[in-house]
Amino acid sequence: MGVLHSYSEALMQAFRNTALTHGMSNYTQWILTRLLADKVFMQTFLSRHKKALTAAFVQVARALDQLQVPYFHAAGSLFAWFSLRDCFPPGQEPDEEALWLRIYEETGLLLTPTAGFGHTEKGYFRMVISGLSPADLDEALRRLCAFVVRNRMQP
């Protein structure tokens, strides 16, 4: 369940064009209204999840720092955004889709490449870190780090 609130008519029209919205039952709306009205619950929920997301990002940042992989700093975010440009073969046009597929096939990790966000600079990938236990995130990072070490192109 999600909510989009914006004053941008262009954004709202683009969202309408995706046809992703669906109505929810009255009962679901009632439960959501009660949940959002519970100030103590919401403060506790948001505080706990912000801390968990920040801890997950710190875990990712430590692994990327050890590999000297550039990344964007974020605390309390749902994902980590980092560069794997060093894994492109030298002297060739960077093939982001091929690298994305190799990462998936070799590690089982499903990252999102920059092309999925309309970026023109190739080589940045997004890893969703929300909803993972610290142990699961450790395993994902172990696989990612092993991939980078095996595939990093040295200048």
N, C-alpha and C. Protein backbone atom coordinates (compact mmCIF):
# COMPACT_ATOMS: atom_id res chain seq x y z
N MET A 1 0.85 -1.15 0.00
CA MET A 1 0.00 0.00 0.00
C MET A 1 0.90 1.23 0.00
N GLY A 2 0.59 2.18 -0.77
CA GLY A 2 1.41 3.37 -0.84
C GLY A 2 0.58 4.59 -1.13
N VAL A 3 1.20 5.74 -0.95
CA VAL A 3 0.53 7.01 -1.16
C VAL A 3 1.47 7.92 -1.93
N LEU A 4 0.94 8.59 -2.92
CA LEU A 4 1.71 9.61 -3.63
C LEU A 4 0.99 10.94 -3.43
N HIS A 5 1.70 11.90 -2.89
CA HIS A 5 1.15 13.23 -2.70
C HIS A 5 2.11 14.21 -3.37
N SER A 6 1.61 14.99 -4.30
CA SER A 6 2.45 15.95 -4.99
C SER A 6 1.61 17.11 -5.49
N TYR A 7 2.24 18.27 -5.55
CA TYR A 7 1.60 19.43 -6.15
C TYR A 7 1.98 19.56 -7.62
N SER A 8 2.83 18.66 -8.10
CA SER A 8 3.27 18.70 -9.50
C SER A 8 2.24 18.00 -10.38
N GLU A 9 1.56 18.76 -11.19
CA GLU A 9 0.57 18.18 -12.10
C GLU A 9 1.24 17.25 -13.11
N ALA A 10 2.46 17.59 -13.55
CA ALA A 10 3.16 16.73 -14.50
C ALA A 10 3.46 15.37 -13.88
N LEU A 11 3.90 15.36 -12.62
CA LEU A 11 4.17 14.09 -11.94
C LEU A 11 2.89 13.29 -11.77
N MET A 12 1.84 13.94 -11.35
CA MET A 12 0.57 13.24 -11.14
C MET A 12 0.05 12.66 -12.46
N GLN A 13 0.18 13.40 -13.55
CA GLN A 13 -0.28 12.89 -14.85
C GLN A 13 0.57 11.71 -15.29
N ALA A 14 1.89 11.79 -15.09
CA ALA A 14 2.76 10.68 -15.44
C ALA A 14 2.41 9.45 -14.61
N PHE A 15 2.10 9.64 -13.35
CA PHE A 15 1.72 8.52 -12.49
C PHE A 15 0.40 7.92 -12.95
N ARG A 16 -0.56 8.78 -13.31
CA ARG A 16 -1.84 8.27 -13.81
C ARG A 16 -1.63 7.44 -15.07
N ASN A 17 -0.69 7.85 -15.91
CA ASN A 17 -0.43 7.15 -17.17
C ASN A 17 0.14 5.75 -16.96
N THR A 18 0.76 5.50 -15.82
CA THR A 18 1.32 4.17 -15.57
C THR A 18 0.24 3.17 -15.18
N ALA A 19 -0.91 3.64 -14.81
CA ALA A 19 -2.04 2.79 -14.41
C ALA A 19 -1.67 1.83 -13.29
N LEU A 20 -0.86 2.29 -12.36
CA LEU A 20 -0.44 1.45 -11.24
C LEU A 20 -1.38 1.53 -10.05
N THR A 21 -2.30 2.48 -10.08
CA THR A 21 -3.15 2.65 -8.92
C THR A 21 -4.34 1.69 -8.97
N HIS A 22 -4.71 1.24 -7.81
CA HIS A 22 -5.87 0.38 -7.65
C HIS A 22 -6.57 0.80 -6.37
N GLY A 23 -7.86 0.67 -6.35
CA GLY A 23 -8.60 1.00 -5.15
C GLY A 23 -8.38 -0.06 -4.08
N MET A 24 -8.49 0.36 -2.84
CA MET A 24 -8.39 -0.61 -1.75
C MET A 24 -9.73 -0.65 -1.02
N SER A 25 -9.96 -1.74 -0.34
CA SER A 25 -11.24 -1.94 0.32
C SER A 25 -11.47 -0.90 1.43
N ASN A 26 -12.72 -0.70 1.78
CA ASN A 26 -13.06 0.21 2.86
C ASN A 26 -12.42 -0.25 4.16
N TYR A 27 -12.39 -1.54 4.37
CA TYR A 27 -11.80 -2.07 5.59
C TYR A 27 -10.32 -1.74 5.66
N THR A 28 -9.61 -1.89 4.55
CA THR A 28 -8.18 -1.56 4.51
C THR A 28 -7.97 -0.07 4.76
N GLN A 29 -8.82 0.77 4.17
CA GLN A 29 -8.73 2.21 4.41
C GLN A 29 -8.97 2.53 5.89
N TRP A 30 -9.92 1.87 6.51
CA TRP A 30 -10.21 2.09 7.92
C TRP A 30 -9.02 1.72 8.79
N ILE A 31 -8.41 0.54 8.50
CA ILE A 31 -7.24 0.11 9.27
C ILE A 31 -6.10 1.11 9.10
N LEU A 32 -5.84 1.53 7.87
CA LEU A 32 -4.77 2.49 7.61
C LEU A 32 -5.02 3.81 8.34
N THR A 33 -6.25 4.28 8.32
CA THR A 33 -6.59 5.52 9.02
C THR A 33 -6.33 5.40 10.51
N ARG A 34 -6.72 4.28 11.09
CA ARG A 34 -6.49 4.05 12.53
C ARG A 34 -5.00 3.97 12.83
N LEU A 35 -4.26 3.29 11.97
CA LEU A 35 -2.82 3.15 12.16
C LEU A 35 -2.12 4.50 12.11
N LEU A 36 -2.43 5.29 11.10
CA LEU A 36 -1.80 6.60 10.96
C LEU A 36 -2.20 7.57 12.07
N ALA A 37 -3.36 7.38 12.65
CA ALA A 37 -3.82 8.25 13.73
C ALA A 37 -3.16 7.92 15.07
N ASP A 38 -2.55 6.76 15.17
CA ASP A 38 -1.90 6.34 16.41
C ASP A 38 -0.51 6.97 16.46
N LYS A 39 -0.43 8.15 17.08
CA LYS A 39 0.81 8.94 17.09
C LYS A 39 1.97 8.20 17.76
N VAL A 40 1.70 7.52 18.87
CA VAL A 40 2.76 6.80 19.57
C VAL A 40 3.31 5.68 18.69
N PHE A 41 2.41 4.90 18.09
CA PHE A 41 2.85 3.83 17.21
C PHE A 41 3.67 4.38 16.05
N MET A 42 3.17 5.43 15.40
CA MET A 42 3.86 5.99 14.23
C MET A 42 5.25 6.52 14.61
N GLN A 43 5.35 7.22 15.74
CA GLN A 43 6.67 7.72 16.15
C GLN A 43 7.63 6.57 16.41
N THR A 44 7.16 5.54 17.09
CA THR A 44 8.00 4.38 17.39
C THR A 44 8.39 3.66 16.09
N PHE A 45 7.41 3.45 15.22
CA PHE A 45 7.64 2.77 13.95
C PHE A 45 8.67 3.52 13.11
N LEU A 46 8.47 4.81 12.93
CA LEU A 46 9.38 5.60 12.10
C LEU A 46 10.78 5.66 12.70
N SER A 47 10.87 5.85 14.01
CA SER A 47 12.17 5.91 14.67
C SER A 47 12.93 4.58 14.52
N ARG A 48 12.25 3.49 14.79
CA ARG A 48 12.87 2.16 14.70
C ARG A 48 13.34 1.87 13.27
N HIS A 49 12.51 2.18 12.30
CA HIS A 49 12.88 1.87 10.93
C HIS A 49 13.96 2.80 10.38
N LYS A 50 13.96 4.05 10.81
CA LYS A 50 15.04 4.95 10.39
C LYS A 50 16.38 4.45 10.92
N LYS A 51 16.39 4.01 12.19
CA LYS A 51 17.63 3.47 12.77
C LYS A 51 18.08 2.21 12.03
N ALA A 52 17.13 1.33 11.71
CA ALA A 52 17.47 0.09 11.01
C ALA A 52 17.99 0.38 9.61
N LEU A 53 17.39 1.32 8.92
CA LEU A 53 17.85 1.67 7.56
C LEU A 53 19.23 2.31 7.61
N THR A 54 19.45 3.18 8.59
CA THR A 54 20.77 3.80 8.73
C THR A 54 21.83 2.75 9.04
N ALA A 55 21.52 1.81 9.93
CA ALA A 55 22.46 0.75 10.27
C ALA A 55 22.76 -0.11 9.04
N ALA A 56 21.75 -0.38 8.22
CA ALA A 56 21.97 -1.17 7.00
C ALA A 56 22.88 -0.41 6.04
N PHE A 57 22.66 0.91 5.92
CA PHE A 57 23.51 1.68 5.02
C PHE A 57 24.95 1.72 5.53
N VAL A 58 25.13 1.84 6.83
CA VAL A 58 26.49 1.83 7.40
C VAL A 58 27.17 0.51 7.09
N GLN A 59 26.43 -0.57 7.17
CA GLN A 59 26.96 -1.90 6.84
C GLN A 59 27.43 -1.94 5.38
N VAL A 60 26.62 -1.41 4.48
CA VAL A 60 26.98 -1.36 3.06
C VAL A 60 28.18 -0.44 2.84
N ALA A 61 28.15 0.73 3.47
CA ALA A 61 29.24 1.69 3.29
C ALA A 61 30.57 1.12 3.73
N ARG A 62 30.59 0.37 4.83
CA ARG A 62 31.84 -0.25 5.28
C ARG A 62 32.39 -1.20 4.23
N ALA A 63 31.53 -2.02 3.66
CA ALA A 63 31.97 -2.97 2.63
C ALA A 63 32.48 -2.23 1.40
N LEU A 64 31.77 -1.20 0.97
CA LEU A 64 32.19 -0.44 -0.22
C LEU A 64 33.46 0.34 0.05
N ASP A 65 33.62 0.87 1.27
CA ASP A 65 34.85 1.56 1.63
C ASP A 65 36.05 0.62 1.56
N GLN A 66 35.89 -0.60 2.05
CA GLN A 66 36.98 -1.58 2.00
C GLN A 66 37.40 -1.88 0.58
N LEU A 67 36.43 -1.88 -0.34
CA LEU A 67 36.73 -2.15 -1.75
C LEU A 67 37.13 -0.89 -2.51
N GLN A 68 37.01 0.26 -1.86
CA GLN A 68 37.23 1.56 -2.49
C GLN A 68 36.29 1.75 -3.69
N VAL A 69 35.04 1.37 -3.48
CA VAL A 69 33.99 1.56 -4.49
C VAL A 69 33.26 2.85 -4.17
N PRO A 70 33.19 3.78 -5.12
CA PRO A 70 32.49 5.05 -4.87
C PRO A 70 30.99 4.82 -4.69
N TYR A 71 30.39 5.59 -3.77
CA TYR A 71 28.95 5.49 -3.53
C TYR A 71 28.44 6.83 -3.05
N PHE A 72 27.13 6.98 -3.09
CA PHE A 72 26.49 8.19 -2.58
C PHE A 72 26.10 7.95 -1.13
N HIS A 73 26.40 8.91 -0.28
CA HIS A 73 26.09 8.79 1.14
C HIS A 73 24.59 9.02 1.36
N ALA A 74 24.02 8.17 2.19
CA ALA A 74 22.60 8.29 2.53
C ALA A 74 22.37 7.62 3.87
N ALA A 75 21.61 8.25 4.71
CA ALA A 75 21.24 7.65 6.00
C ALA A 75 19.72 7.58 6.06
N GLY A 76 19.20 6.46 6.47
CA GLY A 76 17.76 6.29 6.54
C GLY A 76 17.13 6.10 5.18
N SER A 77 17.91 5.67 4.21
CA SER A 77 17.42 5.47 2.86
C SER A 77 17.04 4.01 2.64
N LEU A 78 16.24 3.76 1.64
CA LEU A 78 15.82 2.39 1.32
C LEU A 78 16.83 1.65 0.46
N PHE A 79 17.81 2.36 -0.07
CA PHE A 79 18.75 1.72 -0.97
C PHE A 79 20.12 2.38 -0.91
N ALA A 80 21.10 1.68 -1.49
CA ALA A 80 22.45 2.22 -1.65
C ALA A 80 22.71 2.37 -3.14
N TRP A 81 23.40 3.42 -3.52
CA TRP A 81 23.67 3.76 -4.92
C TRP A 81 25.18 3.84 -5.07
N PHE A 82 25.79 2.96 -5.88
CA PHE A 82 27.24 2.88 -5.96
C PHE A 82 27.70 2.60 -7.38
N SER A 83 28.99 2.83 -7.62
CA SER A 83 29.58 2.69 -8.95
C SER A 83 30.32 1.37 -9.07
N LEU A 84 30.04 0.67 -10.15
CA LEU A 84 30.81 -0.53 -10.50
C LEU A 84 31.47 -0.34 -11.87
N ARG A 85 31.81 0.91 -12.18
CA ARG A 85 32.45 1.21 -13.47
C ARG A 85 33.77 0.48 -13.64
N ASP A 86 34.44 0.18 -12.52
CA ASP A 86 35.72 -0.53 -12.61
C ASP A 86 35.55 -1.96 -13.09
N CYS A 87 34.32 -2.44 -13.17
CA CYS A 87 34.08 -3.82 -13.62
C CYS A 87 33.80 -3.90 -15.12
N PHE A 88 33.77 -2.76 -15.81
CA PHE A 88 33.63 -2.78 -17.27
C PHE A 88 34.98 -3.13 -17.90
N PRO A 89 34.99 -3.97 -18.92
CA PRO A 89 36.26 -4.26 -19.60
C PRO A 89 36.84 -2.99 -20.22
N PRO A 90 38.15 -2.78 -20.07
CA PRO A 90 38.77 -1.56 -20.62
C PRO A 90 38.78 -1.58 -22.14
N GLY A 91 38.71 -0.38 -22.72
CA GLY A 91 38.80 -0.23 -24.16
C GLY A 91 37.54 -0.58 -24.90
N GLN A 92 36.47 -0.86 -24.20
CA GLN A 92 35.19 -1.18 -24.84
C GLN A 92 34.13 -0.21 -24.38
N GLU A 93 33.10 -0.07 -25.19
CA GLU A 93 31.95 0.72 -24.77
C GLU A 93 31.31 0.02 -23.57
N PRO A 94 31.09 0.71 -22.47
CA PRO A 94 30.49 0.06 -21.30
C PRO A 94 29.11 -0.54 -21.61
N ASP A 95 28.95 -1.82 -21.36
CA ASP A 95 27.68 -2.51 -21.58
C ASP A 95 27.06 -2.79 -20.22
N GLU A 96 26.25 -1.84 -19.77
CA GLU A 96 25.68 -1.92 -18.44
C GLU A 96 24.74 -3.12 -18.29
N GLU A 97 23.98 -3.40 -19.33
CA GLU A 97 23.05 -4.52 -19.25
C GLU A 97 23.80 -5.85 -19.11
N ALA A 98 24.90 -5.99 -19.83
CA ALA A 98 25.70 -7.22 -19.72
C ALA A 98 26.29 -7.36 -18.32
N LEU A 99 26.78 -6.26 -17.76
CA LEU A 99 27.32 -6.30 -16.40
C LEU A 99 26.22 -6.62 -15.40
N TRP A 100 25.06 -6.00 -15.54
CA TRP A 100 23.93 -6.26 -14.67
C TRP A 100 23.57 -7.75 -14.68
N LEU A 101 23.51 -8.34 -15.89
CA LEU A 101 23.16 -9.76 -16.02
C LEU A 101 24.24 -10.66 -15.41
N ARG A 102 25.51 -10.31 -15.62
CA ARG A 102 26.60 -11.10 -15.02
C ARG A 102 26.52 -11.06 -13.50
N ILE A 103 26.26 -9.88 -12.94
CA ILE A 103 26.14 -9.76 -11.49
C ILE A 103 25.02 -10.69 -11.01
N TYR A 104 23.89 -10.66 -11.68
CA TYR A 104 22.76 -11.49 -11.27
C TYR A 104 23.10 -12.98 -11.40
N GLU A 105 23.65 -13.36 -12.53
CA GLU A 105 23.94 -14.78 -12.76
C GLU A 105 25.02 -15.32 -11.81
N GLU A 106 26.01 -14.50 -11.50
CA GLU A 106 27.12 -14.96 -10.67
C GLU A 106 26.87 -14.83 -9.17
N THR A 107 26.00 -13.90 -8.78
CA THR A 107 25.80 -13.65 -7.34
C THR A 107 24.38 -13.92 -6.85
N GLY A 108 23.42 -13.91 -7.76
CA GLY A 108 22.02 -14.01 -7.36
C GLY A 108 21.46 -12.69 -6.86
N LEU A 109 22.25 -11.61 -6.94
CA LEU A 109 21.79 -10.29 -6.50
C LEU A 109 21.14 -9.56 -7.66
N LEU A 110 19.98 -9.02 -7.43
CA LEU A 110 19.27 -8.27 -8.45
C LEU A 110 19.38 -6.79 -8.14
N LEU A 111 20.36 -6.15 -8.79
CA LEU A 111 20.58 -4.72 -8.63
C LEU A 111 19.82 -3.99 -9.73
N THR A 112 19.69 -2.69 -9.61
CA THR A 112 19.07 -1.89 -10.65
C THR A 112 20.12 -0.97 -11.25
N PRO A 113 20.37 -1.09 -12.57
CA PRO A 113 21.37 -0.23 -13.21
C PRO A 113 20.82 1.17 -13.46
N THR A 114 21.74 2.09 -13.77
CA THR A 114 21.34 3.48 -14.01
C THR A 114 20.35 3.61 -15.14
N ALA A 115 20.44 2.73 -16.13
CA ALA A 115 19.51 2.81 -17.26
C ALA A 115 18.07 2.73 -16.79
N GLY A 116 17.82 2.03 -15.71
CA GLY A 116 16.47 1.93 -15.17
C GLY A 116 15.95 3.24 -14.61
N PHE A 117 16.82 4.22 -14.48
CA PHE A 117 16.43 5.52 -13.94
C PHE A 117 16.66 6.65 -14.93
N GLY A 118 16.99 6.31 -16.16
CA GLY A 118 17.18 7.31 -17.19
C GLY A 118 18.49 8.06 -17.12
N HIS A 119 19.45 7.55 -16.36
CA HIS A 119 20.76 8.20 -16.29
C HIS A 119 21.55 7.90 -17.55
N THR A 120 22.41 8.82 -17.92
CA THR A 120 23.25 8.60 -19.10
C THR A 120 24.62 8.06 -18.73
N GLU A 121 25.09 8.31 -17.52
CA GLU A 121 26.39 7.80 -17.09
C GLU A 121 26.24 6.35 -16.64
N LYS A 122 26.92 5.47 -17.32
CA LYS A 122 26.77 4.04 -17.03
C LYS A 122 27.67 3.60 -15.89
N GLY A 123 27.22 2.58 -15.20
CA GLY A 123 28.06 1.97 -14.18
C GLY A 123 27.58 2.11 -12.76
N TYR A 124 26.55 2.92 -12.52
CA TYR A 124 26.01 3.03 -11.17
C TYR A 124 24.89 2.02 -11.00
N PHE A 125 24.83 1.43 -9.82
CA PHE A 125 23.82 0.44 -9.53
C PHE A 125 23.16 0.76 -8.19
N ARG A 126 21.89 0.39 -8.09
CA ARG A 126 21.13 0.60 -6.86
C ARG A 126 20.86 -0.76 -6.22
N MET A 127 21.16 -0.84 -4.92
CA MET A 127 20.87 -2.05 -4.16
C MET A 127 19.86 -1.68 -3.08
N VAL A 128 18.70 -2.32 -3.12
CA VAL A 128 17.68 -2.09 -2.10
C VAL A 128 18.14 -2.78 -0.82
N ILE A 129 18.19 -2.04 0.28
CA ILE A 129 18.70 -2.58 1.54
C ILE A 129 17.64 -2.63 2.63
N SER A 130 16.45 -2.19 2.32
CA SER A 130 15.38 -2.23 3.31
C SER A 130 14.80 -3.64 3.38
N GLY A 131 14.38 -4.02 4.55
CA GLY A 131 13.72 -5.31 4.70
C GLY A 131 14.66 -6.50 4.82
N LEU A 132 15.96 -6.27 4.82
CA LEU A 132 16.91 -7.36 4.97
C LEU A 132 17.42 -7.41 6.40
N SER A 133 17.59 -8.60 6.90
CA SER A 133 18.22 -8.73 8.22
C SER A 133 19.71 -8.41 8.06
N PRO A 134 20.39 -8.03 9.14
CA PRO A 134 21.83 -7.80 9.04
C PRO A 134 22.58 -9.02 8.49
N ALA A 135 22.15 -10.23 8.84
CA ALA A 135 22.81 -11.44 8.34
C ALA A 135 22.60 -11.60 6.83
N ASP A 136 21.38 -11.35 6.36
CA ASP A 136 21.12 -11.45 4.92
C ASP A 136 21.89 -10.38 4.15
N LEU A 137 21.96 -9.18 4.71
CA LEU A 137 22.71 -8.11 4.06
C LEU A 137 24.20 -8.44 4.03
N ASP A 138 24.71 -9.04 5.11
CA ASP A 138 26.11 -9.50 5.11
C ASP A 138 26.37 -10.48 3.97
N GLU A 139 25.46 -11.42 3.78
CA GLU A 139 25.63 -12.41 2.71
C GLU A 139 25.59 -11.73 1.34
N ALA A 140 24.65 -10.81 1.15
CA ALA A 140 24.57 -10.08 -0.12
C ALA A 140 25.86 -9.30 -0.38
N LEU A 141 26.38 -8.65 0.66
CA LEU A 141 27.61 -7.88 0.51
C LEU A 141 28.81 -8.79 0.27
N ARG A 142 28.83 -9.94 0.91
CA ARG A 142 29.91 -10.90 0.66
C ARG A 142 29.93 -11.30 -0.81
N ARG A 143 28.76 -11.59 -1.37
CA ARG A 143 28.67 -11.97 -2.78
C ARG A 143 29.06 -10.82 -3.70
N LEU A 144 28.57 -9.62 -3.38
CA LEU A 144 28.90 -8.45 -4.20
C LEU A 144 30.40 -8.17 -4.16
N CYS A 145 30.99 -8.20 -2.97
CA CYS A 145 32.42 -7.92 -2.83
C CYS A 145 33.25 -8.95 -3.59
N ALA A 146 32.88 -10.21 -3.50
CA ALA A 146 33.61 -11.26 -4.22
C ALA A 146 33.52 -11.02 -5.72
N PHE A 147 32.36 -10.61 -6.20
CA PHE A 147 32.19 -10.31 -7.62
C PHE A 147 33.10 -9.17 -8.04
N VAL A 148 33.10 -8.10 -7.26
CA VAL A 148 33.92 -6.93 -7.60
C VAL A 148 35.40 -7.31 -7.62
N VAL A 149 35.84 -8.05 -6.63
CA VAL A 149 37.26 -8.45 -6.57
C VAL A 149 37.62 -9.30 -7.79
N ARG A 150 36.75 -10.21 -8.19
CA ARG A 150 37.01 -11.07 -9.36
C ARG A 150 36.98 -10.31 -10.67
N ASN A 151 36.17 -9.26 -10.74
CA ASN A 151 35.89 -8.61 -12.03
C ASN A 151 36.42 -7.20 -12.19
N ARG A 152 37.03 -6.67 -11.15
CA ARG A 152 37.54 -5.30 -11.22
C ARG A 152 38.69 -5.24 -12.22
N MET A 153 38.61 -4.26 -13.10
CA MET A 153 39.67 -4.05 -14.09
C MET A 153 40.70 -3.08 -13.51
N GLN A 154 41.92 -3.53 -13.41
CA GLN A 154 42.99 -2.68 -12.88
C GLN A 154 43.54 -1.83 -14.01
N PRO A 155 43.79 -0.54 -13.74
CA PRO A 155 44.35 0.32 -14.80
C PRO A 155 45.75 -0.08 -15.17
